[in-house]
């Protein structure tokens, strides 16, 4: 892995990277000038107005399954997350934008499918691409509104210098560049490696300590804390304080540590009197690694898990809490997607979503606020696996598209379209395509239009 420090002056950057940086600087400069003109941020905003803006905390587990929290039916001990659900809203049909790490994280921070921003697959230490400097991340939008921003945890959007968090709108970074099964596995502060390999047994506690300190430092100004945990991605690691404590094996111990961490965050908000000013979101980047057996979690009653496009691979637990703004004890059954957080949080902060590019996310505040009659803003949701679109959902219907396996110009295998009624069969066990050919054709047309849209309006990754 190249040392993640700023490249020396005698090392030229690719011309495309320079152009991308120039484009982003121009956009952010325009945003800053227009915002300042109407008194939006910086020195034009009074201290009281800055304090009135909501804070945002997004906690992202890594490979946590739909069935891995008590409030989703698990027997595992997750008392703090269950309490968070009771004090806020639990989503039953919340989706990651991908069944694997990198494109899911790209979606959260850009508001787009990973395929649209050139990051359809998992990045590895040997890769020399990452999140394009021309993308405008959620952190950049919020920093433009005067927010303090921090990424504490797993990044996985490129480990080369131009792709690290400090280049994408975060003031502070403490964490790791990619998954804990990759080597080398450094722990970083800012752009500097401070430990290699990282001591994984204590990562959750150290992330939590850093997060609590960040909140305390910025209690008097709006902040955005992005806390993408390393756990429970395999290999599993947990400290002695949690080892054997859950009664459900090592995986249960790791989930218990995440539950503890979330509780510490919520307690800190209460202690600092920040609860009513802070939206907290807890979710997972994709479904569980069920192929790891007892160490991989559960997506019950959903079919499949990571890295597939069955519901278990992409439908994930999601809890949202904001006392006084999000009604307590509610369950939302409408479809929502991880990339919806981008425009929704931007709206709540008074930031403008970039108008010069396609954004796939939609504002889901009406759902979060529990408004009567609120419905999903999505006509359809698309299940990508790598560069291939494999399924589409519209309302109750989910269609797995026709798949052909061709080798050396010969058809080796073929799967016809398969249609499932998710309201009646959330486990995707009964193919009803023969009974609803009109629905099959309608969803195939939606898929075809999406493929063309990605082709026409897709954007490249950054290259180093």
Protein backbone atom coordinates (compact mmCIF):
# COMPACT_ATOMS: atom_id res chain seq x y z
CA UNK A 1 0.00 0.00 0.00
CA UNK A 2 1.46 3.39 -0.96
CA UNK A 3 2.12 5.62 2.06
CA UNK A 4 -1.03 7.79 2.37
CA UNK A 5 0.66 11.17 2.62
CA UNK A 6 0.36 14.13 0.32
CA UNK A 7 2.33 13.44 -2.89
CA UNK A 8 5.60 15.35 -3.14
CA UNK A 9 5.86 18.32 -5.41
CA UNK A 10 7.92 16.44 -7.96
CA UNK A 11 5.19 13.87 -8.51
CA UNK A 12 2.78 15.01 -11.18
CA UNK A 13 -0.93 14.28 -10.91
CA UNK A 14 -2.87 12.82 -13.82
CA UNK A 15 -4.35 15.62 -15.90
CA UNK A 16 -7.88 14.21 -15.42
CA UNK A 17 -7.43 14.43 -11.66
CA UNK A 18 -6.31 18.05 -11.95
CA UNK A 19 -9.36 18.87 -14.06
CA UNK A 20 -11.63 17.10 -11.60
CA UNK A 21 -10.19 19.08 -8.69
CA UNK A 22 -10.59 22.30 -10.65
CA UNK A 23 -14.22 21.50 -11.44
CA UNK A 24 -14.99 20.73 -7.81
CA UNK A 25 -13.24 23.87 -6.57
CA UNK A 26 -15.25 25.94 -9.04
CA UNK A 27 -18.52 24.40 -7.91
CA UNK A 28 -17.75 24.81 -4.22
CA UNK A 29 -16.52 28.33 -4.79
CA UNK A 30 -19.76 29.19 -6.56
CA UNK A 31 -21.72 27.58 -3.73
CA UNK A 32 -19.78 29.54 -1.14
CA UNK A 33 -20.22 32.86 -2.95
CA UNK A 34 -23.94 32.42 -3.50
CA UNK A 35 -24.48 31.18 0.05
CA UNK A 36 -22.55 34.06 1.55
CA UNK A 37 -24.53 36.51 -0.56
CA UNK A 38 -27.75 35.49 1.13
CA UNK A 39 -26.15 35.13 4.56
CA UNK A 40 -26.09 31.35 4.66
CA UNK A 41 -22.81 30.48 6.30
CA UNK A 42 -19.36 31.55 7.41
CA UNK A 43 -19.11 34.93 9.08
CA UNK A 44 -22.46 35.98 7.65
CA UNK A 45 -24.29 33.63 10.00
CA UNK A 46 -24.93 34.59 13.61
CA UNK A 47 -23.85 32.27 16.40
CA UNK A 48 -27.46 31.62 17.40
CA UNK A 49 -28.39 30.66 13.84
CA UNK A 50 -25.44 28.26 13.65
CA UNK A 51 -26.49 26.60 16.90
CA UNK A 52 -30.06 26.22 15.62
CA UNK A 53 -29.02 23.98 12.75
CA UNK A 54 -29.47 20.27 13.46
CA UNK A 55 -26.54 17.95 14.00
CA UNK A 56 -26.28 14.69 12.07
CA UNK A 57 -24.79 11.38 13.17
CA UNK A 58 -24.78 8.45 10.75
CA UNK A 59 -23.64 5.17 12.28
CA UNK A 60 -22.89 2.48 9.72
CA UNK A 61 -22.30 -1.14 10.68
CA UNK A 62 -20.35 -3.36 8.29
CA UNK A 63 -22.17 -6.53 7.12
CA UNK A 64 -24.85 -6.41 9.84
CA UNK A 65 -27.87 -8.53 8.89
CA UNK A 66 -31.54 -7.58 8.81
CA UNK A 67 -32.23 -10.05 11.65
CA UNK A 68 -29.28 -9.10 13.87
CA UNK A 69 -31.00 -6.62 16.20
CA UNK A 70 -33.56 -7.41 18.88
CA UNK A 71 -36.01 -4.90 17.41
CA UNK A 72 -35.89 -6.91 14.16
CA UNK A 73 -36.55 -10.22 15.89
CA UNK A 74 -33.08 -11.34 16.88
CA UNK A 75 -32.56 -13.07 20.24
CA UNK A 76 -29.22 -11.25 20.59
CA UNK A 77 -28.80 -8.56 23.23
CA UNK A 78 -29.12 -5.11 21.65
CA UNK A 79 -30.88 -3.18 24.41
CA UNK A 80 -29.62 0.28 23.42
CA UNK A 81 -30.50 -0.09 19.75
CA UNK A 82 -33.88 -1.54 20.71
CA UNK A 83 -34.41 1.51 22.90
CA UNK A 84 -33.37 3.74 20.01
CA UNK A 85 -36.09 2.08 17.91
CA UNK A 86 -38.65 2.63 20.68
CA UNK A 87 -37.67 6.30 20.91
CA UNK A 88 -37.60 6.80 17.15
CA UNK A 89 -38.51 5.08 13.90
CA UNK A 90 -37.74 1.59 12.62
CA UNK A 91 -37.69 1.02 8.85
CA UNK A 92 -38.73 -2.37 7.46
CA UNK A 93 -37.97 -1.69 3.78
CA UNK A 94 -34.72 0.26 3.94
CA UNK A 95 -32.10 -0.68 1.34
CA UNK A 96 -28.42 -0.31 0.86
CA UNK A 97 -27.61 0.73 -2.69
CA UNK A 98 -25.35 -2.30 -3.14
CA UNK A 99 -24.71 -5.74 -1.61
CA UNK A 100 -21.03 -4.94 -0.91
CA UNK A 101 -18.93 -2.26 0.81
CA UNK A 102 -17.51 0.30 -1.63
CA UNK A 103 -20.54 1.11 -3.82
CA UNK A 104 -22.78 1.27 -0.73
CA UNK A 105 -20.53 3.85 0.94
CA UNK A 106 -20.21 5.81 -2.28
CA UNK A 107 -24.01 5.93 -2.45
CA UNK A 108 -24.36 7.26 1.08
CA UNK A 109 -21.89 10.10 0.55
CA UNK A 110 -22.81 11.08 -3.04
CA UNK A 111 -26.54 10.34 -3.20
CA UNK A 112 -25.99 8.05 -6.20
CA UNK A 113 -25.74 4.40 -7.08
CA UNK A 114 -22.10 3.36 -6.94
CA UNK A 115 -22.37 2.43 -10.61
CA UNK A 116 -23.20 6.05 -11.45
CA UNK A 117 -20.04 7.37 -9.80
CA UNK A 118 -17.72 4.74 -11.24
CA UNK A 119 -17.38 2.60 -8.10
CA UNK A 120 -19.47 -0.53 -8.75
CA UNK A 121 -17.17 -3.01 -7.01
CA UNK A 122 -15.20 -3.49 -3.83
CA UNK A 123 -11.83 -1.71 -3.83
CA UNK A 124 -8.69 -3.60 -2.82
CA UNK A 125 -5.28 -2.35 -1.63
CA UNK A 126 -3.79 -2.77 -5.10
CA UNK A 127 -6.46 -0.58 -6.74
CA UNK A 128 -5.46 2.90 -7.84
CA UNK A 129 -8.94 4.36 -8.21
CA UNK A 130 -11.26 5.97 -5.69
CA UNK A 131 -14.03 8.48 -5.19
CA UNK A 132 -13.58 11.10 -7.89
CA UNK A 133 -12.47 14.51 -6.54
CA UNK A 134 -15.20 16.00 -8.75
CA UNK A 135 -17.92 14.40 -6.64
CA UNK A 136 -19.59 16.66 -4.07
CA UNK A 137 -19.98 14.62 -0.92
CA UNK A 138 -22.50 15.11 1.85
CA UNK A 139 -19.63 16.24 4.07
CA UNK A 140 -18.74 18.97 1.59
CA UNK A 141 -22.32 20.18 1.38
CA UNK A 142 -22.54 20.39 5.15
CA UNK A 143 -19.11 21.98 5.60
CA UNK A 144 -20.29 24.66 3.19
CA UNK A 145 -23.06 25.38 5.70
CA UNK A 146 -20.62 25.82 8.55
CA UNK A 147 -20.65 22.27 9.90
CA UNK A 148 -17.74 20.57 11.58
CA UNK A 149 -17.29 17.20 9.86
CA UNK A 150 -15.63 13.95 10.92
CA UNK A 151 -15.26 10.45 9.53
CA UNK A 152 -14.36 7.98 12.26
CA UNK A 153 -14.08 4.35 11.15
CA UNK A 154 -13.84 2.47 7.87
CA UNK A 155 -13.55 4.59 4.70
CA UNK A 156 -13.18 2.17 1.75
CA UNK A 157 -13.56 4.72 -1.05
CA UNK A 158 -9.94 4.75 -2.13
CA UNK A 159 -6.75 4.76 -0.02
CA UNK A 160 -4.56 6.85 -2.32
CA UNK A 161 -4.01 10.45 -1.10
CA UNK A 162 -6.54 12.20 -3.40
CA UNK A 163 -9.34 9.88 -2.31
CA UNK A 164 -9.04 9.98 1.48
CA UNK A 165 -11.66 11.65 3.72
CA UNK A 166 -9.78 14.94 4.23
CA UNK A 167 -10.01 15.48 0.45
CA UNK A 168 -13.75 14.88 0.46
CA UNK A 169 -15.12 17.39 2.92
CA UNK A 170 -14.13 15.88 6.27
CA UNK A 171 -12.20 18.04 8.71
CA UNK A 172 -11.12 15.03 10.73
CA UNK A 173 -10.43 11.36 10.02
CA UNK A 174 -9.57 8.58 12.43
CA UNK A 175 -9.94 5.11 11.03
CA UNK A 176 -8.95 2.54 8.45
CA UNK A 177 -8.84 2.82 4.65
CA UNK A 178 -10.60 -0.44 3.78
CA UNK A 179 -11.93 -3.77 5.12
CA UNK A 180 -10.30 -5.62 8.00
CA UNK A 181 -9.61 -8.74 5.92
CA UNK A 182 -7.24 -6.80 3.65
CA UNK A 183 -3.53 -6.20 4.19
CA UNK A 184 -1.75 -4.14 5.16
CA UNK A 185 -4.38 -2.88 7.60
CA UNK A 186 -3.28 0.52 8.92
CA UNK A 187 -4.99 2.78 11.42
CA UNK A 188 -4.82 6.41 10.35
CA UNK A 189 -5.29 9.82 11.85
CA UNK A 190 -5.79 12.32 9.11
CA UNK A 191 -3.51 11.28 6.24
CA UNK A 192 -0.92 9.67 8.52
CA UNK A 193 -0.57 6.02 9.54
CA UNK A 194 -0.35 5.77 13.32
CA UNK A 195 -0.55 2.00 13.77
CA UNK A 196 0.07 -0.94 11.44
CA UNK A 197 -1.44 -3.38 11.64
CA UNK A 198 -4.32 -1.89 13.58
CA UNK A 199 -5.17 -3.64 16.85
CA UNK A 200 -8.61 -4.81 15.89
CA UNK A 201 -9.80 -6.03 19.30
CA UNK A 202 -10.16 -2.44 20.53
CA UNK A 203 -11.19 -0.62 17.35
CA UNK A 204 -14.87 -0.25 18.30
CA UNK A 205 -13.95 1.28 21.68
CA UNK A 206 -11.37 3.60 20.11
CA UNK A 207 -13.79 4.75 17.43
CA UNK A 208 -16.32 5.45 20.16
CA UNK A 209 -13.84 7.45 22.25
CA UNK A 210 -12.91 9.54 19.21
CA UNK A 211 -16.59 10.09 18.37
CA UNK A 212 -17.46 11.22 21.88
CA UNK A 213 -14.53 13.64 21.89
CA UNK A 214 -15.59 15.08 18.53
CA UNK A 215 -19.14 15.66 19.77
CA UNK A 216 -17.88 17.33 22.95
CA UNK A 217 -15.51 19.60 21.01
CA UNK A 218 -18.28 20.79 18.72
CA UNK A 219 -21.23 20.95 21.09
CA UNK A 220 -21.66 24.68 20.38
CA UNK A 221 -21.73 24.46 16.58
CA UNK A 222 -23.47 22.19 14.08
CA UNK A 223 -21.61 18.98 13.30
CA UNK A 224 -21.78 15.95 11.04
CA UNK A 225 -20.35 12.73 12.44
CA UNK A 226 -20.01 9.80 10.05
CA UNK A 227 -19.20 6.68 12.11
CA UNK A 228 -18.71 3.67 9.80
CA UNK A 229 -17.70 0.80 12.07
CA UNK A 230 -15.31 -1.94 11.02
CA UNK A 231 -17.55 -4.55 12.68
CA UNK A 232 -19.10 -7.05 12.29
CA UNK A 233 -17.14 -7.68 9.08
CA UNK A 234 -15.06 -10.85 9.32
CA UNK A 235 -12.57 -11.64 10.73
CA UNK A 236 -14.41 -10.94 13.97
CA UNK A 237 -12.58 -9.21 16.80
CA UNK A 238 -13.85 -8.01 20.16
CA UNK A 239 -12.29 -6.76 23.38
CA UNK A 240 -12.22 -8.69 26.63
CA UNK A 241 -15.07 -6.63 28.10
CA UNK A 242 -17.49 -8.12 25.56
CA UNK A 243 -15.95 -11.54 24.91
CA UNK A 244 -18.47 -14.20 25.91
CA UNK A 245 -20.91 -11.59 27.24
CA UNK A 246 -23.68 -11.97 24.68
CA UNK A 247 -24.38 -15.68 25.00
CA UNK A 248 -24.55 -15.90 21.19
CA UNK A 249 -20.98 -16.60 20.26
CA UNK A 250 -18.34 -14.25 18.92
CA UNK A 251 -20.71 -12.66 16.40
CA UNK A 252 -23.16 -11.84 19.19
CA UNK A 253 -20.33 -10.35 21.26
CA UNK A 254 -19.32 -8.09 18.36
CA UNK A 255 -22.90 -6.93 17.81
CA UNK A 256 -23.17 -6.29 21.55
CA UNK A 257 -20.14 -3.99 21.32
CA UNK A 258 -21.82 -2.00 18.55
CA UNK A 259 -24.93 -1.74 20.69
CA UNK A 260 -22.81 -0.42 23.57
CA UNK A 261 -21.10 2.10 21.29
CA UNK A 262 -24.42 3.47 20.04
CA UNK A 263 -25.62 3.78 23.61
CA UNK A 264 -22.53 5.79 24.52
CA UNK A 265 -23.26 8.18 21.64
CA UNK A 266 -26.90 8.62 22.68
CA UNK A 267 -25.91 9.14 26.33
CA UNK A 268 -23.41 11.81 25.29
CA UNK A 269 -26.11 13.69 23.40
CA UNK A 270 -28.33 13.58 26.47
CA UNK A 271 -25.55 14.73 28.79
CA UNK A 272 -24.68 17.68 26.53
CA UNK A 273 -28.35 18.58 25.98
CA UNK A 274 -28.04 17.92 22.25
CA UNK A 275 -30.75 15.26 21.80
CA UNK A 276 -33.41 17.54 20.37
CA UNK A 277 -30.92 19.08 17.95
CA UNK A 278 -29.47 15.84 16.60
CA UNK A 279 -30.67 13.32 14.03
CA UNK A 280 -29.08 9.91 14.64
CA UNK A 281 -29.26 7.19 11.96
CA UNK A 282 -28.11 3.61 12.50
CA UNK A 283 -27.93 1.21 9.54
CA UNK A 284 -25.68 -1.29 7.74
CA UNK A 285 -23.75 -1.07 4.48
CA UNK A 286 -25.20 -4.36 3.17
CA UNK A 287 -26.51 -7.71 4.32
CA UNK A 288 -24.70 -10.36 6.37
CA UNK A 289 -21.96 -12.69 5.21
CA UNK A 290 -24.14 -15.76 5.71
CA UNK A 291 -21.54 -17.90 3.91
CA UNK A 292 -19.46 -17.55 7.10
CA UNK A 293 -21.98 -19.56 9.10
CA UNK A 294 -22.17 -18.62 12.80
CA UNK A 295 -19.74 -15.75 12.23
CA UNK A 296 -21.83 -14.17 9.50
CA UNK A 297 -25.11 -13.01 10.99
CA UNK A 298 -28.67 -13.52 9.77
CA UNK A 299 -31.07 -11.86 7.32
CA UNK A 300 -34.13 -13.93 8.34
CA UNK A 301 -36.85 -13.96 7.00
CA UNK A 302 -35.15 -12.64 3.88
CA UNK A 303 -33.43 -14.80 1.30
CA UNK A 304 -29.69 -14.63 0.76
CA UNK A 305 -27.12 -12.16 2.03
CA UNK A 306 -23.96 -10.39 0.98
CA UNK A 307 -22.94 -10.17 -1.94
CA UNK A 308 -26.18 -11.15 -3.73
CA UNK A 309 -29.24 -9.15 -4.78
CA UNK A 310 -31.77 -11.29 -2.96
CA UNK A 311 -33.46 -9.18 -0.30
CA UNK A 312 -31.08 -10.42 2.39
CA UNK A 313 -28.13 -8.91 0.54
CA UNK A 314 -29.49 -5.38 0.29
CA UNK A 315 -32.40 -4.85 2.68
CA UNK A 316 -30.83 -3.73 5.96
CA UNK A 317 -31.90 -2.62 9.43
CA UNK A 318 -32.34 1.13 9.81
CA UNK A 319 -33.23 3.14 12.90
CA UNK A 320 -33.67 6.91 13.06
CA UNK A 321 -34.02 8.99 16.20
CA UNK A 322 -34.61 12.70 16.67
CA UNK A 323 -36.71 13.57 19.73
CA UNK A 324 -39.43 16.08 18.91
CA UNK A 325 -38.99 15.71 15.15
CA UNK A 326 -39.24 11.98 14.44
CA UNK A 327 -42.23 10.41 16.24
CA UNK A 328 -41.33 7.76 18.81
CA UNK A 329 -42.27 4.13 18.48
CA UNK A 330 -43.14 4.28 14.78
CA UNK A 331 -42.48 1.72 12.07
CA UNK A 332 -42.10 2.85 8.45
CA UNK A 333 -42.94 0.20 5.84
CA UNK A 334 -42.29 2.41 2.81
CA UNK A 335 -39.27 1.81 0.56
CA UNK A 336 -36.28 4.04 1.31
CA UNK A 337 -32.64 3.81 0.24
CA UNK A 338 -29.33 4.70 1.82
CA UNK A 339 -28.62 7.36 -0.81
CA UNK A 340 -31.81 9.19 0.24
CA UNK A 341 -29.91 10.46 3.26
CA UNK A 342 -27.90 12.75 0.96
CA UNK A 343 -30.72 15.04 -0.24
CA UNK A 344 -32.68 14.64 3.00
CA UNK A 345 -29.86 15.72 5.30
CA UNK A 346 -28.91 18.49 2.85
CA UNK A 347 -32.47 19.82 2.98
CA UNK A 348 -32.57 19.75 6.78
CA UNK A 349 -29.28 21.68 6.89
CA UNK A 350 -30.42 24.21 4.30
CA UNK A 351 -27.80 23.09 1.77
CA UNK A 352 -28.33 22.90 -1.96
CA UNK A 353 -27.88 19.58 -3.75
CA UNK A 354 -25.69 20.00 -6.87
CA UNK A 355 -27.85 20.71 -9.90
CA UNK A 356 -25.19 19.88 -12.50
CA UNK A 357 -25.40 16.08 -12.12
CA UNK A 358 -27.89 13.28 -11.65
CA UNK A 359 -28.62 12.48 -8.01
CA UNK A 360 -30.48 9.19 -7.41
CA UNK A 361 -31.50 9.93 -3.83
CA UNK A 362 -34.84 11.49 -2.90
CA UNK A 363 -35.99 13.54 0.06
CA UNK A 364 -37.57 11.12 2.55
CA UNK A 365 -38.25 13.62 5.33
CA UNK A 366 -42.04 13.11 5.01
CA UNK A 367 -41.48 9.43 5.86
CA UNK A 368 -39.14 10.23 8.71
CA UNK A 369 -41.51 12.81 10.14
CA UNK A 370 -44.34 10.29 10.08
CA UNK A 371 -46.60 12.45 7.96
CA UNK A 372 -50.00 10.99 7.29
CA UNK A 373 -50.19 9.41 3.84
CA UNK A 374 -46.47 9.80 3.12
CA UNK A 375 -45.29 7.36 0.45
CA UNK A 376 -41.95 6.34 -0.96
CA UNK A 377 -40.65 8.89 -3.50
CA UNK A 378 -39.17 6.08 -5.63
CA UNK A 379 -40.99 4.78 -8.67
CA UNK A 380 -38.50 1.90 -8.73
CA UNK A 381 -35.40 0.65 -6.94
CA UNK A 382 -32.60 -1.08 -8.84
CA UNK A 383 -30.44 -3.92 -7.54
CA UNK A 384 -26.95 -3.74 -9.01
CA UNK A 385 -24.27 -6.33 -8.50
CA UNK A 386 -21.01 -4.98 -9.77
CA UNK A 387 -21.62 -3.40 -13.15
CA UNK A 388 -24.64 -5.59 -13.85
CA UNK A 389 -28.25 -4.66 -13.09
CA UNK A 390 -29.78 -7.90 -11.81
CA UNK A 391 -33.17 -6.95 -10.33
CA UNK A 392 -35.71 -4.15 -10.00
CA UNK A 393 -38.45 -3.44 -7.48
CA UNK A 394 -41.56 -1.35 -8.10
CA UNK A 395 -44.09 -1.34 -5.28
CA UNK A 396 -44.79 -4.88 -4.13
CA UNK A 397 -43.18 -6.47 -7.20
CA UNK A 398 -39.55 -7.49 -7.55
CA UNK A 399 -38.21 -8.86 -10.81
CA UNK A 400 -34.93 -10.75 -11.09
CA UNK A 401 -33.89 -10.08 -14.67
CA UNK A 402 -33.03 -12.69 -17.25
CA UNK A 403 -29.43 -13.87 -16.91
CA UNK A 404 -27.29 -15.52 -19.56
CA UNK A 405 -23.93 -17.14 -18.96
CA UNK A 406 -21.90 -17.13 -22.16
CA UNK A 407 -18.43 -18.61 -22.51
CA UNK A 408 -16.44 -18.59 -25.75
CA UNK A 409 -19.48 -17.37 -27.60
CA UNK A 410 -21.67 -20.25 -26.37
CA UNK A 411 -24.66 -20.12 -24.07
CA UNK A 412 -23.67 -22.17 -20.98
CA UNK A 413 -26.57 -21.37 -18.66
CA UNK A 414 -29.74 -19.31 -18.69
CA UNK A 415 -32.12 -18.09 -16.01
CA UNK A 416 -35.46 -16.68 -17.13
CA UNK A 417 -37.00 -13.61 -15.45
CA UNK A 418 -38.37 -14.41 -11.98
CA UNK A 419 -41.04 -12.27 -10.34
CA UNK A 420 -41.81 -12.13 -6.62
CA UNK A 421 -44.60 -10.46 -4.67
CA UNK A 422 -42.70 -9.05 -1.69
CA UNK A 423 -45.87 -8.24 0.23
CA UNK A 424 -47.00 -11.87 0.16
CA UNK A 425 -43.60 -13.55 -0.12
CA UNK A 426 -40.78 -11.51 1.40
CA UNK A 427 -38.57 -14.60 1.34
CA UNK A 428 -38.68 -14.73 -2.48
CA UNK A 429 -39.69 -18.37 -2.62
CA UNK A 430 -42.51 -18.38 -5.23
CA UNK A 431 -41.87 -17.22 -8.79
CA UNK A 432 -45.13 -15.71 -10.09
CA UNK A 433 -43.79 -14.47 -13.43
CA UNK A 434 -46.03 -16.81 -15.47
CA UNK A 435 -49.10 -15.33 -13.75
CA UNK A 436 -48.16 -11.66 -14.31
CA UNK A 437 -46.52 -11.22 -17.72
CA UNK A 438 -47.64 -7.58 -17.84
CA UNK A 439 -45.78 -6.81 -14.63
CA UNK A 440 -42.68 -8.58 -15.96
CA UNK A 441 -42.71 -6.47 -19.12
CA UNK A 442 -43.25 -3.24 -17.16
CA UNK A 443 -40.33 -3.90 -14.84
CA UNK A 444 -38.11 -4.97 -17.73
CA UNK A 445 -38.80 -1.61 -19.38
CA UNK A 446 -37.87 0.21 -16.16
CA UNK A 447 -34.62 -1.76 -16.00
CA UNK A 448 -33.78 -1.01 -19.63
CA UNK A 449 -34.31 2.71 -19.06
CA UNK A 450 -32.10 2.63 -15.97
CA UNK A 451 -29.28 0.89 -17.83
CA UNK A 452 -29.42 3.58 -20.49
CA UNK A 453 -29.53 6.34 -17.88
CA UNK A 454 -26.39 5.01 -16.19
CA UNK A 455 -24.69 4.72 -19.58
CA UNK A 456 -25.53 8.32 -20.49
CA UNK A 457 -25.14 9.99 -17.12
CA UNK A 458 -22.57 7.84 -15.35
CA UNK A 459 -19.40 9.49 -14.04
CA UNK A 460 -15.86 8.08 -13.85
CA UNK A 461 -13.95 7.26 -10.68
CA UNK A 462 -10.88 9.18 -9.67
CA UNK A 463 -7.63 7.64 -10.90
CA UNK A 464 -4.21 7.94 -9.28
